[in-house]
Protein backbone atom coordinates (compact mmCIF):
# COMPACT_ATOMS: atom_id res chain seq x y z
CA MET A 1 16.85 9.24 11.07
CA ALA A 2 14.06 8.18 9.35
CA THR A 3 13.94 8.68 5.15
CA LEU A 4 11.53 10.16 3.29
CA ALA A 5 10.47 6.32 2.12
CA ASP A 6 10.10 5.87 5.62
CA GLU A 7 8.04 8.39 6.71
CA THR A 8 5.87 8.16 3.75
CA TYR A 9 5.56 4.27 4.74
CA ASP A 10 4.53 5.28 8.44
CA ARG A 11 1.76 7.81 6.86
CA ILE A 12 -0.04 5.27 4.73
CA ARG A 13 0.53 2.90 7.42
CA ASN A 14 -1.24 4.84 10.04
CA MET A 15 -3.85 5.58 6.94
CA ILE A 16 -5.18 2.22 6.54
CA LEU A 17 -4.70 1.38 10.53
CA ALA A 18 -7.43 4.93 11.18
CA GLY A 19 -9.45 3.80 8.88
CA GLU A 20 -8.95 6.62 6.45
CA LEU A 21 -7.62 3.77 3.73
CA LYS A 22 -10.84 1.53 4.07
CA ALA A 23 -10.77 -1.93 3.55
CA GLY A 24 -10.74 -3.28 -0.32
CA LEU A 25 -9.80 0.88 -1.32
CA ALA A 26 -7.88 0.55 -4.62
CA ILE A 27 -4.64 2.59 -4.29
CA GLN A 28 -3.88 4.66 -6.87
CA GLU A 29 0.25 5.74 -6.55
CA ASN A 30 -0.83 9.39 -8.15
CA GLY A 31 -3.43 10.29 -6.23
CA LEU A 32 -1.80 9.24 -2.81
CA ALA A 33 1.18 11.20 -3.90
CA LYS A 34 -0.36 14.09 -4.32
CA LYS A 35 -2.53 13.66 -0.74
CA LEU A 36 0.92 13.34 0.60
CA ASN A 37 2.67 15.82 -1.23
CA VAL A 38 5.79 13.49 -1.88
CA SER A 39 6.75 12.03 -5.33
CA ARG A 40 5.33 8.36 -6.53
CA THR A 41 8.84 7.02 -5.55
CA PRO A 42 8.36 6.80 -2.08
CA VAL A 43 4.68 5.90 -2.18
CA ARG A 44 5.70 3.29 -4.65
CA GLU A 45 8.20 1.91 -1.96
CA ALA A 46 5.93 2.36 0.76
CA ILE A 47 3.14 -0.10 -0.91
CA GLY A 48 5.80 -2.43 -1.41
CA ARG A 49 6.79 -2.49 2.02
CA LEU A 50 2.85 -2.36 2.98
CA ILE A 51 2.41 -5.46 0.62
CA THR A 52 5.02 -7.47 2.48
CA GLU A 53 3.46 -6.47 5.92
CA GLY A 54 -0.05 -8.01 4.56
CA LEU A 55 -1.66 -4.73 4.69
CA ILE A 56 -2.06 -4.13 0.77
CA THR A 57 -2.60 -6.78 -1.38
CA ARG A 58 -1.52 -6.81 -5.12
CA TYR A 59 -2.36 -9.47 -7.94
CA ALA A 60 -0.64 -9.55 -10.96
CA GLY A 61 -1.99 -6.66 -13.36
CA GLN A 62 -4.19 -5.15 -11.03
CA THR A 63 -3.81 -2.09 -9.15
CA PRO A 64 -2.75 -2.87 -5.29
CA THR A 65 -5.82 -2.82 -2.78
CA VAL A 66 -6.44 -2.56 1.06
CA GLN A 67 -6.40 -5.60 2.26
CA THR A 68 -9.82 -6.78 3.50
CA VAL A 69 -10.38 -9.65 6.60
CA SER A 70 -13.68 -10.96 6.29
CA LEU A 71 -16.11 -12.36 9.30
CA THR A 72 -14.75 -15.96 8.90
CA ASP A 73 -10.96 -14.92 8.33
CA TYR A 74 -11.16 -12.68 11.46
CA ILE A 75 -12.97 -15.30 13.72
CA GLU A 76 -10.10 -17.84 12.60
CA ILE A 77 -7.44 -15.20 13.40
CA LEU A 78 -8.77 -15.25 16.74
CA HIS A 79 -8.83 -18.90 16.88
CA MET A 80 -5.07 -18.80 16.17
CA ARG A 81 -4.09 -16.18 18.65
CA ARG A 82 -6.00 -17.44 21.21
CA LEU A 83 -4.04 -20.53 20.88
CA LEU A 84 -0.59 -18.26 20.03
CA GLU A 85 -1.15 -15.97 22.70
CA GLY A 86 -2.08 -18.01 25.14
CA GLU A 87 1.52 -19.97 24.63
CA ALA A 88 3.14 -16.41 24.44
CA ALA A 89 1.50 -15.86 28.06
CA ALA A 90 2.49 -19.15 29.37
CA LEU A 91 6.13 -18.61 28.40
CA ALA A 92 6.03 -14.72 29.71
CA ALA A 93 5.39 -15.93 33.18
CA LYS A 94 8.45 -17.11 33.59
CA SER A 95 10.68 -14.44 32.14
CA SER A 96 13.39 -12.94 33.88
CA ASP A 97 12.22 -9.38 32.32
CA LYS A 98 8.52 -9.74 33.90
CA SER A 99 9.32 -5.69 35.02
CA ARG A 100 8.41 -4.39 31.46
CA LEU A 101 4.83 -5.55 32.49
CA GLU A 102 4.80 -2.76 35.60
CA PRO A 103 4.12 0.43 34.07
CA ILE A 104 1.73 -1.56 31.65
CA ALA A 105 -0.21 -2.61 35.02
CA VAL A 106 -0.51 0.37 36.56
CA ARG A 107 -1.72 2.10 33.43
CA ASN A 108 -4.21 -0.57 33.24
CA GLN A 109 -5.18 -0.20 36.57
CA GLN A 110 -5.76 3.82 36.51
CA MET A 111 -7.89 3.17 33.30
CA ILE A 112 -10.87 0.55 35.07
CA GLU A 113 -10.62 3.50 37.83
CA ALA A 114 -11.45 5.85 35.25
CA GLY A 115 -14.54 4.04 34.59
CA GLU A 116 -14.88 6.01 31.07
CA LEU A 117 -12.15 5.40 28.40
CA GLY A 118 -11.77 6.44 25.11
CA THR A 119 -11.27 3.55 22.24
CA ASP A 120 -7.56 5.12 21.07
CA GLU A 121 -6.11 4.94 24.55
CA TYR A 122 -7.86 1.31 25.12
CA VAL A 123 -6.77 0.37 21.83
CA ALA A 124 -2.86 1.64 22.64
CA LEU A 125 -2.97 -0.01 26.07
CA ASP A 126 -4.06 -3.27 24.61
CA GLU A 127 -1.86 -3.38 22.06
CA GLU A 128 1.27 -2.91 24.11
CA LEU A 129 0.51 -5.06 26.34
CA HIS A 130 0.01 -8.21 24.24
CA LEU A 131 2.88 -7.34 22.25
CA THR A 132 5.32 -6.96 25.18
CA ILE A 133 3.71 -10.11 26.66
CA ALA A 134 4.58 -11.86 22.90
CA GLU A 135 8.01 -10.51 23.48
CA LEU A 136 8.42 -11.65 26.69
CA SER A 137 7.76 -15.21 25.08
CA GLY A 138 11.34 -15.21 24.09
CA SER A 139 10.79 -16.75 20.76
CA ARG A 140 11.18 -14.27 18.05
CA LEU A 141 9.07 -16.43 15.89
CA LEU A 142 6.32 -16.62 18.16
CA ALA A 143 5.86 -12.44 18.87
CA GLN A 144 6.22 -11.86 14.95
CA ASN A 145 3.47 -14.39 14.14
CA ILE A 146 1.09 -12.70 16.95
CA LYS A 147 1.98 -8.89 15.33
CA ASP A 148 1.24 -10.27 12.39
CA LEU A 149 -2.23 -11.58 12.88
CA ARG A 150 -3.11 -8.39 15.32
CA LEU A 151 -2.32 -6.29 12.67
CA LYS A 152 -5.20 -8.30 10.42
CA THR A 153 -7.76 -7.98 13.30
CA ARG A 154 -7.17 -4.23 13.29
CA ILE A 155 -8.31 -3.96 9.45
CA PHE A 156 -11.51 -6.07 10.36
CA ASP A 157 -13.63 -2.78 11.04
CA LEU A 158 -16.13 -3.17 13.86
CA GLY A 159 -17.61 -0.28 16.17
CA GLY A 160 -18.93 -1.01 19.58
CA VAL A 161 -15.36 -1.70 21.09
CA THR A 162 -15.54 0.79 23.74
CA LYS A 163 -18.25 -1.32 25.79
CA ARG A 164 -15.72 -3.72 26.90
CA LEU A 165 -12.96 -1.17 28.00
CA VAL A 166 -13.81 -2.04 31.91
CA PRO A 167 -14.44 -5.64 31.57
CA SER A 168 -10.76 -6.17 29.50
CA GLY A 169 -9.28 -4.18 31.84
CA GLN A 170 -10.18 -6.29 34.22
CA GLU A 171 -9.31 -9.59 31.82
CA HIS A 172 -5.73 -7.32 31.92
CA VAL A 173 -5.23 -7.43 35.38
CA ASP A 174 -5.95 -11.46 35.81
CA ILE A 175 -3.43 -12.00 32.78
CA LEU A 176 -0.90 -9.97 34.62
CA ASP A 177 -1.16 -11.10 38.28
CA ALA A 178 -0.94 -14.99 36.50
CA ILE A 179 2.32 -13.84 34.73
CA HIS A 180 3.85 -12.10 37.88
CA ASN A 181 3.05 -14.76 39.97
CA GLY A 182 4.86 -17.10 37.59
CA ASP A 183 1.57 -19.26 36.60
CA SER A 184 2.26 -20.37 32.87
CA GLU A 185 -0.73 -22.08 33.13
CA MET A 186 -2.90 -19.62 34.61
CA ALA A 187 -1.23 -17.20 32.51
CA ARG A 188 -2.37 -19.36 29.67
CA GLN A 189 -5.63 -20.09 30.56
CA LYS A 190 -6.60 -15.92 31.48
CA MET A 191 -5.30 -14.98 28.02
CA ALA A 192 -7.26 -18.07 25.95
CA ALA A 193 -10.38 -16.35 27.89
CA HIS A 194 -9.84 -12.75 26.97
CA ILE A 195 -9.60 -13.19 23.30
CA GLU A 196 -12.02 -15.45 23.47
CA GLN A 197 -14.47 -12.65 24.91
CA VAL A 198 -13.57 -10.90 22.03
CA ARG A 199 -14.37 -13.44 19.80
CA ARG A 200 -17.78 -13.68 21.47
CA SER A 201 -18.65 -9.79 21.69
CA ILE A 202 -17.94 -8.98 18.06
CA LEU A 203 -20.24 -12.45 17.12
CA GLU A 204 -22.60 -10.73 19.46
CA GLU A 205 -22.31 -6.98 17.88
CA LEU A 206 -23.00 -8.61 14.94
CA GLY A 207 -26.11 -10.22 15.78
CA ASN A 208 -27.51 -6.80 17.34
CA LEU A 209 -26.82 -5.30 13.84
CA PHE A 210 -28.46 -7.85 11.87
CA ASP A 211 -31.76 -7.75 14.37
CA ASN A 212 -32.08 -3.88 14.22
């Protein structure tokens, strides 16, 4: 059964990932406790956990703040994700538990056929797919590193994701097919190409913003 500290942690974490608590925002324990209608103790515990997780930073003598991910950091993280998630996909292709990906593949196809999808649905499916593949790698350390890096990319706040829904859906199909067929090298290549397309789309979107 979840404790009050666990519930408070989940609520603050979701507020950060939803953008309600913006990157760089100073976290005031009193104000947050009042907002959540809890005492400062579970808020303090939650902040400690979120610091460990990398969603909040705190330097000696300073107020904790929501983690900031710069564009440079974001591009570097995507580079690391391309390497690590490519390896995870290659290992997943040899997993004996690949059936875990079947319901994800079905939902992915349904989303493609729907044509126009909501961002929340896309993010949820994309996250589930990538983390499941990471787990199927059989390496807990690799899976945890991928999870941590993906968490940091979610902090980077940029609109314009929805226009990639259908292309990403097809990229997911390519990755899932390669894993299903047990083709490690193809799975690695398709995953790397998928993440590279994210990088290109972000840079293109930023270029459009600067041009306008």
